[in-house]
Amino acid sequence: MSSPFLNQARQEMRLRQYSIRTEHTYLYWIRFFIRFNRLQHPSMLGPTEVKALLSYLASQRQVSANTQKVALNALQFLYGKFLKTPLGELNFTLCSRGRYLPAVLTPPEVQAIWDAMHGSTPHKLIIQLLYGTGMRVSECLRLRIQDIDFGRNLIVIHDGKGKKDRTTLLPGALRAALGAQIAQATLVHQQDLALGVGPALPLALSRKYPNAWRQPGWGFVFPASGHCSHPYVGGLCRYHLHQTAVRKALKHALALVPRLHKRVSCHTFRHCFASQLLASG
């Protein structure tokens, strides 16, 4: 159970329309900061304690530069936007970020991974879409049926990084598989309608358009296997597949591919998409 203080911080983030992932991450680091300072209220703390935490993360926990920066961003929100007492100049240098070269798979290696995922649908289709469109896994999972434009061979991506919309190409080789997945998702939507349940709608759209949840176009292309409570407005709904399900399916497939020792994640296929475009001129 969250404390009233954390609930107020959550409401402030929702007022500013932060994403649900940002909300969970910031609340984690705010809790961490409070426990690090022996449950003292943040209003009694300040820049000195913030610098102490950042130093602890670097020297004792040996976290990456990105993790340290995320913790700092969470505390800057806490003091600057929630408590209205900005931290100001901390005179603190964050960890230096080393140059990281992402793993890039060759086409035969990609094909071997797909072969190992045989029967693991829709996870295989998700990985193929990441490779063929350059989408992030979160963007792919958030796709709704109405975002797929077969007529123009386009996929519309809403609320991407930086809350920006964009389009990407629809690979011709995946049209049939994607059409079959949409047919399956539409069937799930019809079964939900019989139970009075619909897909989770973004923000207050369910109040602006009360019957939008009945329209098949708002259904997720990759719906979850069960129902859940909507994280913002409450009520029973069906969300999309969770990222962990895709990661587990990919991890299982990688274990079946011999002589593949590269560090591969879902994001690797996005890098492969860009690398293949560059290699093709």
Protein backbone atom coordinates (compact mmCIF):
# COMPACT_ATOMS: atom_id res chain seq x y z
CA MET A 1 0.00 0.00 0.00
CA SER A 2 1.46 3.37 -1.02
CA SER A 3 1.66 6.20 1.49
CA PRO A 4 -0.45 9.36 1.05
CA PHE A 5 2.73 11.23 0.10
CA LEU A 6 3.52 8.82 -2.73
CA ASN A 7 -0.09 8.87 -3.88
CA GLN A 8 0.08 12.66 -4.12
CA ALA A 9 3.32 12.38 -6.12
CA ARG A 10 1.60 9.88 -8.43
CA GLN A 11 -1.31 12.26 -8.96
CA GLU A 12 1.12 15.06 -9.84
CA MET A 13 2.72 12.84 -12.49
CA ARG A 14 -0.65 11.92 -13.93
CA LEU A 15 -1.62 15.58 -14.01
CA ARG A 16 1.49 16.18 -16.13
CA GLN A 17 0.61 13.11 -18.25
CA TYR A 18 3.79 11.16 -17.58
CA SER A 19 3.81 7.66 -19.03
CA ILE A 20 2.96 4.75 -16.75
CA ARG A 21 6.55 3.45 -17.00
CA THR A 22 7.96 6.84 -15.97
CA GLU A 23 5.51 6.92 -13.09
CA HIS A 24 6.61 3.52 -11.79
CA THR A 25 10.30 4.37 -12.19
CA TYR A 26 10.09 7.74 -10.45
CA LEU A 27 8.08 6.31 -7.55
CA TYR A 28 10.69 3.56 -7.15
CA TRP A 29 13.53 6.07 -6.79
CA ILE A 30 11.52 8.34 -4.49
CA ARG A 31 10.91 5.35 -2.20
CA PHE A 32 14.58 4.42 -2.45
CA PHE A 33 15.59 7.97 -1.47
CA ILE A 34 13.26 8.01 1.55
CA ARG A 35 14.50 4.61 2.79
CA PHE A 36 18.11 5.61 2.16
CA ASN A 37 17.56 8.51 4.56
CA ARG A 38 15.92 6.34 7.22
CA LEU A 39 12.32 7.24 6.39
CA GLN A 40 12.77 10.98 6.82
CA HIS A 41 10.26 13.12 4.93
CA PRO A 42 11.78 14.59 1.74
CA SER A 43 10.80 18.10 2.85
CA MET A 44 13.35 17.71 5.66
CA LEU A 45 16.07 16.75 3.19
CA GLY A 46 17.77 18.58 0.35
CA PRO A 47 20.70 18.79 -2.08
CA THR A 48 23.18 17.34 0.41
CA GLU A 49 21.19 14.13 0.79
CA VAL A 50 20.58 13.93 -2.95
CA LYS A 51 24.32 14.11 -3.65
CA ALA A 52 24.93 11.49 -0.96
CA LEU A 53 22.52 9.12 -2.68
CA LEU A 54 24.08 9.68 -6.11
CA SER A 55 27.54 9.04 -4.67
CA TYR A 56 26.29 5.86 -2.99
CA LEU A 57 24.81 4.58 -6.25
CA ALA A 58 28.09 5.15 -8.06
CA SER A 59 30.58 3.96 -5.43
CA GLN A 60 28.68 1.26 -3.51
CA ARG A 61 26.04 -0.01 -5.91
CA GLN A 62 28.22 0.61 -9.01
CA VAL A 63 25.18 1.35 -11.17
CA SER A 64 25.44 2.50 -14.78
CA ALA A 65 25.50 6.17 -15.76
CA ASN A 66 21.96 5.86 -17.12
CA THR A 67 20.61 4.46 -13.84
CA GLN A 68 22.25 7.29 -11.89
CA LYS A 69 20.75 9.83 -14.28
CA VAL A 70 17.26 8.33 -13.95
CA ALA A 71 17.53 8.54 -10.15
CA LEU A 72 18.55 12.20 -10.43
CA ASN A 73 15.64 12.94 -12.79
CA ALA A 74 13.21 11.36 -10.32
CA LEU A 75 14.53 13.50 -7.46
CA GLN A 76 14.50 16.63 -9.59
CA PHE A 77 10.82 15.97 -10.26
CA LEU A 78 10.24 15.36 -6.55
CA TYR A 79 11.76 18.65 -5.44
CA GLY A 80 11.32 20.89 -8.46
CA LYS A 81 7.79 20.01 -9.61
CA PHE A 82 6.12 18.32 -6.66
CA LEU A 83 7.54 19.98 -3.54
CA LYS A 84 8.23 23.25 -5.44
CA THR A 85 11.70 23.55 -3.88
CA PRO A 86 14.16 23.09 -6.77
CA LEU A 87 17.49 21.48 -5.96
CA GLY A 88 19.42 24.14 -7.88
CA GLU A 89 23.05 23.60 -8.83
CA LEU A 90 24.27 20.40 -7.16
CA ASN A 91 27.93 20.81 -8.19
CA PHE A 92 27.96 17.09 -8.75
CA THR A 93 29.44 15.22 -11.71
CA LEU A 94 27.54 12.16 -12.88
CA CYS A 95 29.29 8.96 -13.91
CA SER A 96 30.85 9.17 -17.35
CA ARG A 97 28.98 7.09 -19.88
CA GLY A 98 31.16 4.74 -21.90
CA ARG A 99 30.71 4.21 -25.59
CA TYR A 100 28.49 1.19 -26.16
CA LEU A 101 28.30 -0.56 -29.52
CA PRO A 102 25.03 -2.48 -29.90
CA ALA A 103 25.06 -6.04 -31.20
CA VAL A 104 24.01 -6.41 -34.82
CA LEU A 105 22.83 -9.76 -36.15
CA THR A 106 23.45 -11.08 -39.64
CA PRO A 107 20.42 -12.14 -41.74
CA PRO A 108 21.22 -15.88 -41.21
CA GLU A 109 21.38 -15.31 -37.44
CA VAL A 110 18.04 -13.50 -37.48
CA GLN A 111 16.50 -16.34 -39.49
CA ALA A 112 17.88 -18.90 -37.03
CA ILE A 113 16.20 -17.08 -34.15
CA TRP A 114 12.90 -16.98 -36.03
CA ASP A 115 13.16 -20.70 -36.77
CA ALA A 116 13.75 -21.37 -33.07
CA MET A 117 10.58 -19.40 -32.26
CA HIS A 118 8.46 -21.67 -34.47
CA GLY A 119 5.06 -22.04 -32.87
CA SER A 120 5.70 -19.20 -30.43
CA THR A 121 3.06 -16.90 -31.83
CA PRO A 122 2.40 -14.01 -31.52
CA HIS A 123 5.89 -13.52 -30.04
CA LYS A 124 7.61 -14.48 -33.28
CA LEU A 125 5.51 -11.96 -35.22
CA ILE A 126 6.43 -9.23 -32.72
CA ILE A 127 10.15 -9.92 -33.17
CA GLN A 128 9.70 -9.95 -36.94
CA LEU A 129 7.94 -6.58 -36.79
CA LEU A 130 10.77 -5.09 -34.72
CA TYR A 131 13.24 -6.26 -37.37
CA GLY A 132 11.11 -5.20 -40.34
CA THR A 133 9.87 -1.82 -39.08
CA GLY A 134 12.41 -0.52 -36.54
CA MET A 135 9.77 -0.15 -33.84
CA ARG A 136 10.56 -0.34 -30.15
CA VAL A 137 8.97 -3.32 -28.41
CA SER A 138 6.74 -1.02 -26.34
CA GLU A 139 5.52 0.70 -29.52
CA CYS A 140 4.78 -2.63 -31.17
CA LEU A 141 2.79 -3.93 -28.21
CA ARG A 142 0.73 -0.72 -28.05
CA LEU A 143 -0.41 -1.07 -31.67
CA ARG A 144 -4.15 -1.05 -32.16
CA ILE A 145 -6.00 -2.61 -35.08
CA GLN A 146 -6.79 0.79 -36.58
CA ASP A 147 -3.06 1.64 -36.67
CA ILE A 148 -2.41 -0.93 -39.42
CA ASP A 149 -2.98 0.54 -42.89
CA PHE A 150 -2.82 -2.33 -45.40
CA GLY A 151 -3.91 -0.06 -48.22
CA ARG A 152 -0.86 2.22 -47.95
CA ASN A 153 1.49 -0.40 -46.44
CA LEU A 154 2.00 1.76 -43.36
CA ILE A 155 1.93 1.33 -39.60
CA VAL A 156 1.00 4.37 -37.52
CA ILE A 157 2.85 4.65 -34.21
CA HIS A 158 1.19 6.84 -31.60
CA ASP A 159 2.80 8.33 -28.52
CA GLY A 160 6.33 7.19 -29.29
CA LYS A 161 9.45 8.46 -27.60
CA GLY A 162 9.03 12.13 -26.77
CA LYS A 163 5.22 11.69 -27.12
CA LYS A 164 5.55 11.96 -30.90
CA ASP A 165 3.55 10.15 -33.59
CA ARG A 166 5.15 8.74 -36.72
CA THR A 167 4.63 6.17 -39.44
CA THR A 168 6.80 3.26 -40.52
CA LEU A 169 6.63 0.83 -43.39
CA LEU A 170 4.57 -2.37 -43.30
CA PRO A 171 6.77 -5.25 -44.52
CA GLY A 172 5.09 -7.10 -47.36
CA ALA A 173 6.37 -10.44 -46.08
CA LEU A 174 4.38 -9.97 -42.85
CA ARG A 175 1.05 -8.90 -44.33
CA ALA A 176 -0.49 -12.37 -44.15
CA ALA A 177 0.74 -13.11 -40.62
CA LEU A 178 -0.32 -9.69 -39.40
CA GLY A 179 -3.74 -10.09 -41.00
CA ALA A 180 -4.19 -13.43 -39.23
CA GLN A 181 -3.16 -11.87 -35.91
CA ILE A 182 -5.65 -9.04 -36.38
CA ALA A 183 -8.39 -11.58 -37.11
CA GLN A 184 -7.52 -13.36 -33.85
CA ALA A 185 -7.47 -10.06 -31.95
CA THR A 186 -10.86 -9.14 -33.41
CA LEU A 187 -12.27 -12.47 -32.20
CA VAL A 188 -10.95 -11.77 -28.70
CA HIS A 189 -12.59 -8.33 -28.83
CA GLN A 190 -15.95 -9.86 -29.79
CA GLN A 191 -15.73 -12.32 -26.91
CA ASP A 192 -14.96 -9.46 -24.53
CA LEU A 193 -17.95 -7.49 -25.76
CA ALA A 194 -20.20 -10.39 -24.79
CA LEU A 195 -18.83 -10.01 -21.25
CA GLY A 196 -19.18 -6.23 -21.25
CA VAL A 197 -15.40 -5.73 -21.30
CA GLY A 198 -13.34 -3.72 -23.78
CA PRO A 199 -9.74 -2.75 -24.49
CA ALA A 200 -7.95 -0.24 -22.28
CA LEU A 201 -8.38 3.21 -23.84
CA PRO A 202 -5.82 6.01 -23.56
CA LEU A 203 -6.32 8.58 -20.79
CA ALA A 204 -9.85 10.10 -20.67
CA LEU A 205 -10.94 8.85 -24.11
CA SER A 206 -13.37 6.45 -22.45
CA ARG A 207 -15.25 9.43 -20.98
CA LYS A 208 -15.10 11.53 -24.15
CA TYR A 209 -16.26 8.64 -26.34
CA PRO A 210 -18.19 6.27 -24.04
CA ASN A 211 -18.79 3.66 -26.76
CA ALA A 212 -15.31 3.67 -28.31
CA TRP A 213 -14.44 0.42 -26.54
CA ARG A 214 -17.06 -1.37 -28.63
CA GLN A 215 -15.27 -0.52 -31.89
CA PRO A 216 -12.88 -3.29 -33.09
CA GLY A 217 -10.36 -0.68 -34.27
CA TRP A 218 -9.50 0.24 -30.68
CA GLY A 219 -8.57 -3.34 -29.84
CA PHE A 220 -4.89 -4.16 -29.39
CA VAL A 221 -3.22 -6.13 -32.17
CA PHE A 222 -1.50 -8.20 -29.46
CA PRO A 223 -4.04 -8.45 -26.62
CA ALA A 224 -3.15 -9.90 -23.25
CA SER A 225 -4.38 -13.34 -22.31
CA GLY A 226 -6.52 -12.05 -19.43
CA HIS A 227 -8.32 -9.03 -18.04
CA CYS A 228 -6.96 -6.44 -15.61
CA SER A 229 -7.91 -3.17 -13.92
CA HIS A 230 -7.23 -0.03 -15.94
CA PRO A 231 -4.21 1.74 -14.34
CA TYR A 232 -5.74 5.23 -14.70
CA VAL A 233 -9.53 5.19 -14.75
CA GLY A 234 -10.16 1.83 -13.07
CA GLY A 235 -12.66 -0.74 -14.27
CA LEU A 236 -12.08 -4.12 -15.88
CA CYS A 237 -10.42 -4.09 -19.32
CA ARG A 238 -8.04 -6.01 -21.55
CA TYR A 239 -4.54 -4.62 -21.96
CA HIS A 240 -1.86 -5.60 -24.44
CA LEU A 241 0.78 -8.29 -23.96
CA HIS A 242 3.45 -7.48 -21.40
CA GLN A 243 7.03 -6.96 -22.51
CA THR A 244 8.26 -9.71 -20.20
CA ALA A 245 6.31 -12.32 -22.20
CA VAL A 246 8.15 -11.32 -25.38
CA ARG A 247 11.53 -11.26 -23.62
CA LYS A 248 10.99 -14.74 -22.18
CA ALA A 249 10.03 -16.14 -25.59
CA LEU A 250 13.12 -14.56 -27.15
CA LYS A 251 15.36 -15.87 -24.36
CA HIS A 252 14.03 -19.39 -24.87
CA ALA A 253 14.66 -19.16 -28.62
CA LEU A 254 18.22 -17.87 -28.15
CA ALA A 255 19.01 -20.92 -26.01
CA LEU A 256 18.08 -23.13 -28.97
CA VAL A 257 20.33 -21.36 -31.50
CA PRO A 258 23.81 -22.94 -31.58
CA ARG A 259 26.98 -20.85 -31.76
CA LEU A 260 25.18 -17.56 -31.18
CA HIS A 261 27.06 -15.79 -28.40
CA LYS A 262 26.03 -12.18 -29.02
CA ARG A 263 24.10 -10.24 -26.42
CA VAL A 264 20.64 -10.10 -27.98
CA SER A 265 17.54 -8.32 -26.70
CA CYS A 266 14.33 -7.10 -28.28
CA HIS A 267 15.99 -3.75 -28.97
CA THR A 268 18.73 -5.52 -30.95
CA PHE A 269 16.29 -6.04 -33.83
CA ARG A 270 15.65 -2.30 -34.01
CA HIS A 271 19.41 -1.78 -34.43
CA CYS A 272 19.44 -4.51 -37.08
CA PHE A 273 16.70 -2.70 -39.01
CA ALA A 274 18.77 0.50 -39.14
CA SER A 275 21.99 -1.39 -39.97
CA GLN A 276 20.33 -3.28 -42.84
CA LEU A 277 18.99 -0.02 -44.29
CA LEU A 278 22.45 1.52 -44.17
CA ALA A 279 24.02 -1.59 -45.71
CA SER A 280 21.46 -1.47 -48.52
CA GLY A 281 22.26 2.16 -49.26
